[in-house]
Amino acid sequence: MRYLVETSSGELSFSIERDKPFEKGLTFTQEGSTYIARFIEPGRDDLDGIIKAELIGKGEFPRSAG
């Protein structure tokens, strides 16, 4: 299934593919950033849906010493 992701943070939109349908509240990562799906709109053309997402984390988590 192919989705278009639009973010509220002003970043460029991007597409994402997954085997299962997206659901509101689902978190996912893309290129080191973590997003939460706030709204999902019906798809158009070759898209299964349009996800309105919010950026909730960026970059890698620090590794623990030891």
PDB file of N, CA and C in Angstrom:
ATOM      1  N   MET A   1       0.852  -1.170   0.000  1.00  0.00           N
ATOM      2  CA  MET A   1       0.000   0.000   0.000  1.00  0.00           C
ATOM      3  C   MET A   1       0.896   1.230   0.000  1.00  0.00           C
ATOM      4  N   ARG A   2       0.522   2.201  -0.798  1.00  0.00           N
ATOM      5  CA  ARG A   2       1.335   3.398  -0.957  1.00  0.00           C
ATOM      6  C   ARG A   2       0.556   4.619  -0.461  1.00  0.00           C
ATOM      7  N   TYR A   3       1.247   5.413   0.367  1.00  0.00           N
ATOM      8  CA  TYR A   3       0.637   6.598   0.967  1.00  0.00           C
ATOM      9  C   TYR A   3       1.503   7.820   0.711  1.00  0.00           C
ATOM     10  N   LEU A   4       0.856   8.974   0.631  1.00  0.00           N
ATOM     11  CA  LEU A   4       1.549  10.248   0.604  1.00  0.00           C
ATOM     12  C   LEU A   4       1.498  10.800   2.019  1.00  0.00           C
ATOM     13  N   VAL A   5       2.634  11.270   2.519  1.00  0.00           N
ATOM     14  CA  VAL A   5       2.704  11.839   3.863  1.00  0.00           C
ATOM     15  C   VAL A   5       2.912  13.345   3.740  1.00  0.00           C
ATOM     16  N   GLU A   6       2.009  14.096   4.330  1.00  0.00           N
ATOM     17  CA  GLU A   6       2.123  15.549   4.411  1.00  0.00           C
ATOM     18  C   GLU A   6       2.339  15.901   5.870  1.00  0.00           C
ATOM     19  N   THR A   7       3.346  16.718   6.153  1.00  0.00           N
ATOM     20  CA  THR A   7       3.666  17.042   7.536  1.00  0.00           C
ATOM     21  C   THR A   7       3.241  18.456   7.889  1.00  0.00           C
ATOM     22  N   SER A   8       3.004  18.649   9.167  1.00  0.00           N
ATOM     23  CA  SER A   8       2.633  19.978   9.660  1.00  0.00           C
ATOM     24  C   SER A   8       3.862  20.833   9.934  1.00  0.00           C
ATOM     25  N   SER A   9       5.052  20.244   9.847  1.00  0.00           N
ATOM     26  CA  SER A   9       6.277  20.971  10.172  1.00  0.00           C
ATOM     27  C   SER A   9       6.861  21.711   8.976  1.00  0.00           C
ATOM     28  N   GLY A  10       6.186  21.644   7.828  1.00  0.00           N
ATOM     29  CA  GLY A  10       6.658  22.363   6.659  1.00  0.00           C
ATOM     30  C   GLY A  10       7.694  21.611   5.842  1.00  0.00           C
ATOM     31  N   GLU A  11       8.015  20.377   6.221  1.00  0.00           N
ATOM     32  CA  GLU A  11       8.950  19.580   5.437  1.00  0.00           C
ATOM     33  C   GLU A  11       8.276  19.163   4.129  1.00  0.00           C
ATOM     34  N   LEU A  12       9.070  18.760   3.179  1.00  0.00           N
ATOM     35  CA  LEU A  12       8.526  18.286   1.914  1.00  0.00           C
ATOM     36  C   LEU A  12       7.707  17.025   2.132  1.00  0.00           C
ATOM     37  N   SER A  13       6.673  16.876   1.333  1.00  0.00           N
ATOM     38  CA  SER A  13       5.869  15.658   1.387  1.00  0.00           C
ATOM     39  C   SER A  13       6.691  14.490   0.847  1.00  0.00           C
ATOM     40  N   PHE A  14       6.369  13.295   1.290  1.00  0.00           N
ATOM     41  CA  PHE A  14       7.061  12.107   0.799  1.00  0.00           C
ATOM     42  C   PHE A  14       6.084  10.949   0.755  1.00  0.00           C
ATOM     43  N   SER A  15       6.430   9.913   0.021  1.00  0.00           N
ATOM     44  CA  SER A  15       5.570   8.732  -0.031  1.00  0.00           C
ATOM     45  C   SER A  15       6.194   7.618   0.797  1.00  0.00           C
ATOM     46  N   ILE A  16       5.347   6.747   1.292  1.00  0.00           N
ATOM     47  CA  ILE A  16       5.786   5.623   2.110  1.00  0.00           C
ATOM     48  C   ILE A  16       4.954   4.404   1.719  1.00  0.00           C
ATOM     49  N   GLU A  17       5.574   3.245   1.756  1.00  0.00           N
ATOM     50  CA  GLU A  17       4.865   2.014   1.426  1.00  0.00           C
ATOM     51  C   GLU A  17       4.903   1.076   2.622  1.00  0.00           C
ATOM     52  N   ARG A  18       3.807   0.361   2.804  1.00  0.00           N
ATOM     53  CA  ARG A  18       3.759  -0.663   3.856  1.00  0.00           C
ATOM     54  C   ARG A  18       2.738  -1.720   3.467  1.00  0.00           C
ATOM     55  N   ASP A  19       2.823  -2.871   4.131  1.00  0.00           N
ATOM     56  CA  ASP A  19       1.966  -4.010   3.796  1.00  0.00           C
ATOM     57  C   ASP A  19       0.550  -3.877   4.342  1.00  0.00           C
ATOM     58  N   LYS A  20       0.401  -3.161   5.460  1.00  0.00           N
ATOM     59  CA  LYS A  20      -0.907  -3.026   6.116  1.00  0.00           C
ATOM     60  C   LYS A  20      -1.424  -1.604   5.975  1.00  0.00           C
ATOM     61  N   PRO A  21      -2.725  -1.410   6.114  1.00  0.00           N
ATOM     62  CA  PRO A  21      -3.268  -0.046   6.075  1.00  0.00           C
ATOM     63  C   PRO A  21      -2.785   0.779   7.273  1.00  0.00           C
ATOM     64  N   PHE A  22      -2.630   2.064   7.062  1.00  0.00           N
ATOM     65  CA  PHE A  22      -2.295   2.977   8.154  1.00  0.00           C
ATOM     66  C   PHE A  22      -3.534   3.246   8.981  1.00  0.00           C
ATOM     67  N   GLU A  23      -3.329   3.534  10.253  1.00  0.00           N
ATOM     68  CA  GLU A  23      -4.408   3.914  11.152  1.00  0.00           C
ATOM     69  C   GLU A  23      -4.020   5.197  11.867  1.00  0.00           C
ATOM     70  N   LYS A  24      -5.004   5.990  12.217  1.00  0.00           N
ATOM     71  CA  LYS A  24      -4.780   7.217  12.973  1.00  0.00           C
ATOM     72  C   LYS A  24      -4.061   6.871  14.280  1.00  0.00           C
ATOM     73  N   GLY A  25      -3.035   7.645  14.621  1.00  0.00           N
ATOM     74  CA  GLY A  25      -2.286   7.434  15.853  1.00  0.00           C
ATOM     75  C   GLY A  25      -1.064   6.547  15.691  1.00  0.00           C
ATOM     76  N   LEU A  26      -0.891   5.949  14.536  1.00  0.00           N
ATOM     77  CA  LEU A  26       0.259   5.076  14.283  1.00  0.00           C
ATOM     78  C   LEU A  26       1.520   5.917  14.165  1.00  0.00           C
ATOM     79  N   THR A  27       2.609   5.472  14.784  1.00  0.00           N
ATOM     80  CA  THR A  27       3.890   6.156  14.629  1.00  0.00           C
ATOM     81  C   THR A  27       4.729   5.388  13.621  1.00  0.00           C
ATOM     82  N   PHE A  28       5.573   6.131  12.901  1.00  0.00           N
ATOM     83  CA  PHE A  28       6.446   5.521  11.906  1.00  0.00           C
ATOM     84  C   PHE A  28       7.683   6.391  11.744  1.00  0.00           C
ATOM     85  N   THR A  29       8.743   5.814  11.196  1.00  0.00           N
ATOM     86  CA  THR A  29       9.975   6.566  10.978  1.00  0.00           C
ATOM     87  C   THR A  29      10.271   6.660   9.485  1.00  0.00           C
ATOM     88  N   GLN A  30      10.921   7.744   9.128  1.00  0.00           N
ATOM     89  CA  GLN A  30      11.344   7.975   7.756  1.00  0.00           C
ATOM     90  C   GLN A  30      12.630   8.776   7.808  1.00  0.00           C
ATOM     91  N   GLU A  31      13.714   8.190   7.317  1.00  0.00           N
ATOM     92  CA  GLU A  31      15.017   8.858   7.262  1.00  0.00           C
ATOM     93  C   GLU A  31      15.416   9.485   8.590  1.00  0.00           C
ATOM     94  N   GLY A  32      15.292   8.736   9.661  1.00  0.00           N
ATOM     95  CA  GLY A  32      15.732   9.182  10.974  1.00  0.00           C
ATOM     96  C   GLY A  32      14.765  10.069  11.740  1.00  0.00           C
ATOM     97  N   SER A  33      13.629  10.378  11.159  1.00  0.00           N
ATOM     98  CA  SER A  33      12.630  11.190  11.848  1.00  0.00           C
ATOM     99  C   SER A  33      11.420  10.325  12.195  1.00  0.00           C
ATOM    100  N   THR A  34      10.796  10.611  13.336  1.00  0.00           N
ATOM    101  CA  THR A  34       9.630   9.854  13.776  1.00  0.00           C
ATOM    102  C   THR A  34       8.389  10.735  13.671  1.00  0.00           C
ATOM    103  N   TYR A  35       7.338  10.150  13.118  1.00  0.00           N
ATOM    104  CA  TYR A  35       6.083  10.866  12.879  1.00  0.00           C
ATOM    105  C   TYR A  35       4.925  10.106  13.512  1.00  0.00           C
ATOM    106  N   ILE A  36       3.845  10.832  13.756  1.00  0.00           N
ATOM    107  CA  ILE A  36       2.596  10.211  14.188  1.00  0.00           C
ATOM    108  C   ILE A  36       1.512  10.607  13.188  1.00  0.00           C
ATOM    109  N   ALA A  37       0.721   9.635  12.761  1.00  0.00           N
ATOM    110  CA  ALA A  37      -0.360   9.886  11.808  1.00  0.00           C
ATOM    111  C   ALA A  37      -1.528  10.515  12.563  1.00  0.00           C
ATOM    112  N   ARG A  38      -1.851  11.757  12.248  1.00  0.00           N
ATOM    113  CA  ARG A  38      -2.940  12.474  12.919  1.00  0.00           C
ATOM    114  C   ARG A  38      -4.266  12.297  12.186  1.00  0.00           C
ATOM    115  N   PHE A  39      -4.237  12.326  10.861  1.00  0.00           N
ATOM    116  CA  PHE A  39      -5.437  12.145  10.044  1.00  0.00           C
ATOM    117  C   PHE A  39      -5.066  11.329   8.821  1.00  0.00           C
ATOM    118  N   ILE A  40      -6.019  10.576   8.311  1.00  0.00           N
ATOM    119  CA  ILE A  40      -5.800   9.819   7.085  1.00  0.00           C
ATOM    120  C   ILE A  40      -6.964  10.103   6.147  1.00  0.00           C
ATOM    121  N   GLU A  41      -6.633  10.628   4.989  1.00  0.00           N
ATOM    122  CA  GLU A  41      -7.643  10.960   3.990  1.00  0.00           C
ATOM    123  C   GLU A  41      -7.662   9.887   2.912  1.00  0.00           C
ATOM    124  N   PRO A  42      -8.770   9.738   2.207  1.00  0.00           N
ATOM    125  CA  PRO A  42      -8.834   8.752   1.120  1.00  0.00           C
ATOM    126  C   PRO A  42      -7.776   9.033   0.057  1.00  0.00           C
ATOM    127  N   GLY A  43      -7.338   7.978  -0.594  1.00  0.00           N
ATOM    128  CA  GLY A  43      -6.323   8.110  -1.626  1.00  0.00           C
ATOM    129  C   GLY A  43      -6.871   8.653  -2.923  1.00  0.00           C
ATOM    130  N   ARG A  44      -5.953   8.953  -3.808  1.00  0.00           N
ATOM    131  CA  ARG A  44      -6.311   9.397  -5.157  1.00  0.00           C
ATOM    132  C   ARG A  44      -5.225   8.900  -6.104  1.00  0.00           C
ATOM    133  N   ASP A  45      -5.570   8.797  -7.340  1.00  0.00           N
ATOM    134  CA  ASP A  45      -4.649   8.280  -8.354  1.00  0.00           C
ATOM    135  C   ASP A  45      -4.097   6.922  -7.910  1.00  0.00           C
ATOM    136  N   ASP A  46      -2.782   6.810  -7.777  1.00  0.00           N
ATOM    137  CA  ASP A  46      -2.192   5.521  -7.399  1.00  0.00           C
ATOM    138  C   ASP A  46      -1.876   5.425  -5.902  1.00  0.00           C
ATOM    139  N   LEU A  47      -2.454   6.315  -5.083  1.00  0.00           N
ATOM    140  CA  LEU A  47      -2.212   6.318  -3.638  1.00  0.00           C
ATOM    141  C   LEU A  47      -3.375   5.669  -2.897  1.00  0.00           C
ATOM    142  N   ASP A  48      -3.047   4.919  -1.848  1.00  0.00           N
ATOM    143  CA  ASP A  48      -4.084   4.307  -1.014  1.00  0.00           C
ATOM    144  C   ASP A  48      -4.616   5.273   0.034  1.00  0.00           C
ATOM    145  N   GLY A  49      -3.866   6.332   0.317  1.00  0.00           N
ATOM    146  CA  GLY A  49      -4.316   7.320   1.282  1.00  0.00           C
ATOM    147  C   GLY A  49      -3.324   8.456   1.404  1.00  0.00           C
ATOM    148  N   ILE A  50      -3.776   9.522   2.046  1.00  0.00           N
ATOM    149  CA  ILE A  50      -2.926  10.678   2.319  1.00  0.00           C
ATOM    150  C   ILE A  50      -2.892  10.850   3.829  1.00  0.00           C
ATOM    151  N   ILE A  51      -1.703  10.801   4.375  1.00  0.00           N
ATOM    152  CA  ILE A  51      -1.511  10.872   5.820  1.00  0.00           C
ATOM    153  C   ILE A  51      -1.093  12.282   6.195  1.00  0.00           C
ATOM    154  N   LYS A  52      -1.836  12.884   7.109  1.00  0.00           N
ATOM    155  CA  LYS A  52      -1.452  14.163   7.694  1.00  0.00           C
ATOM    156  C   LYS A  52      -0.699  13.798   8.972  1.00  0.00           C
ATOM    157  N   ALA A  53       0.605  14.059   8.972  1.00  0.00           N
ATOM    158  CA  ALA A  53       1.445  13.582  10.068  1.00  0.00           C
ATOM    159  C   ALA A  53       2.110  14.735  10.804  1.00  0.00           C
ATOM    160  N   GLU A  54       2.474  14.449  12.049  1.00  0.00           N
ATOM    161  CA  GLU A  54       3.189  15.414  12.876  1.00  0.00           C
ATOM    162  C   GLU A  54       4.555  14.836  13.220  1.00  0.00           C
ATOM    163  N   LEU A  55       5.590  15.640  13.062  1.00  0.00           N
ATOM    164  CA  LEU A  55       6.938  15.246  13.434  1.00  0.00           C
ATOM    165  C   LEU A  55       7.035  15.225  14.952  1.00  0.00           C
ATOM    166  N   ILE A  56       7.432  14.084  15.526  1.00  0.00           N
ATOM    167  CA  ILE A  56       7.532  14.005  16.987  1.00  0.00           C
ATOM    168  C   ILE A  56       8.952  13.720  17.468  1.00  0.00           C
ATOM    169  N   GLY A  57       9.875  13.446  16.554  1.00  0.00           N
ATOM    170  CA  GLY A  57      11.260  13.210  16.947  1.00  0.00           C
ATOM    171  C   GLY A  57      12.155  13.233  15.733  1.00  0.00           C
ATOM    172  N   LYS A  58      13.381  13.719  15.941  1.00  0.00           N
ATOM    173  CA  LYS A  58      14.304  13.815  14.824  1.00  0.00           C
ATOM    174  C   LYS A  58      15.688  13.368  15.269  1.00  0.00           C
ATOM    175  N   GLY A  59      16.384  12.695  14.383  1.00  0.00           N
ATOM    176  CA  GLY A  59      17.733  12.243  14.682  1.00  0.00           C
ATOM    177  C   GLY A  59      17.730  10.905  15.388  1.00  0.00           C
ATOM    178  N   GLU A  60      18.915  10.430  15.650  1.00  0.00           N
ATOM    179  CA  GLU A  60      19.068   9.130  16.306  1.00  0.00           C
ATOM    180  C   GLU A  60      19.081   9.297  17.818  1.00  0.00           C
ATOM    181  N   PHE A  61      18.585   8.281  18.495  1.00  0.00           N
ATOM    182  CA  PHE A  61      18.636   8.278  19.951  1.00  0.00           C
ATOM    183  C   PHE A  61      20.067   8.015  20.390  1.00  0.00           C
ATOM    184  N   PRO A  62      20.532   8.632  21.470  1.00  0.00           N
ATOM    185  CA  PRO A  62      21.902   8.379  21.930  1.00  0.00           C
ATOM    186  C   PRO A  62      22.061   6.933  22.375  1.00  0.00           C
ATOM    187  N   ARG A  63      23.210   6.397  22.091  1.00  0.00           N
ATOM    188  CA  ARG A  63      23.511   5.023  22.520  1.00  0.00           C
ATOM    189  C   ARG A  63      24.005   5.040  23.955  1.00  0.00           C
ATOM    190  N   SER A  64      23.622   4.023  24.693  1.00  0.00           N
ATOM    191  CA  SER A  64      24.060   3.960  26.097  1.00  0.00           C
ATOM    192  C   SER A  64      25.511   3.482  26.155  1.00  0.00           C
ATOM    193  N   ALA A  65      26.238   4.027  27.110  1.00  0.00           N
ATOM    194  CA  ALA A  65      27.639   3.625  27.292  1.00  0.00           C
ATOM    195  C   ALA A  65      27.698   2.277  27.984  1.00  0.00           C
ATOM    196  N   GLY A  66      28.671   1.516  27.611  1.00  0.00           N
ATOM    197  CA  GLY A  66      28.832   0.285  28.332  1.00  0.00           C
ATOM    198  C   GLY A  66      28.759  -0.861  27.473  1.00  0.00           C
TER     199      GLY A  66
END
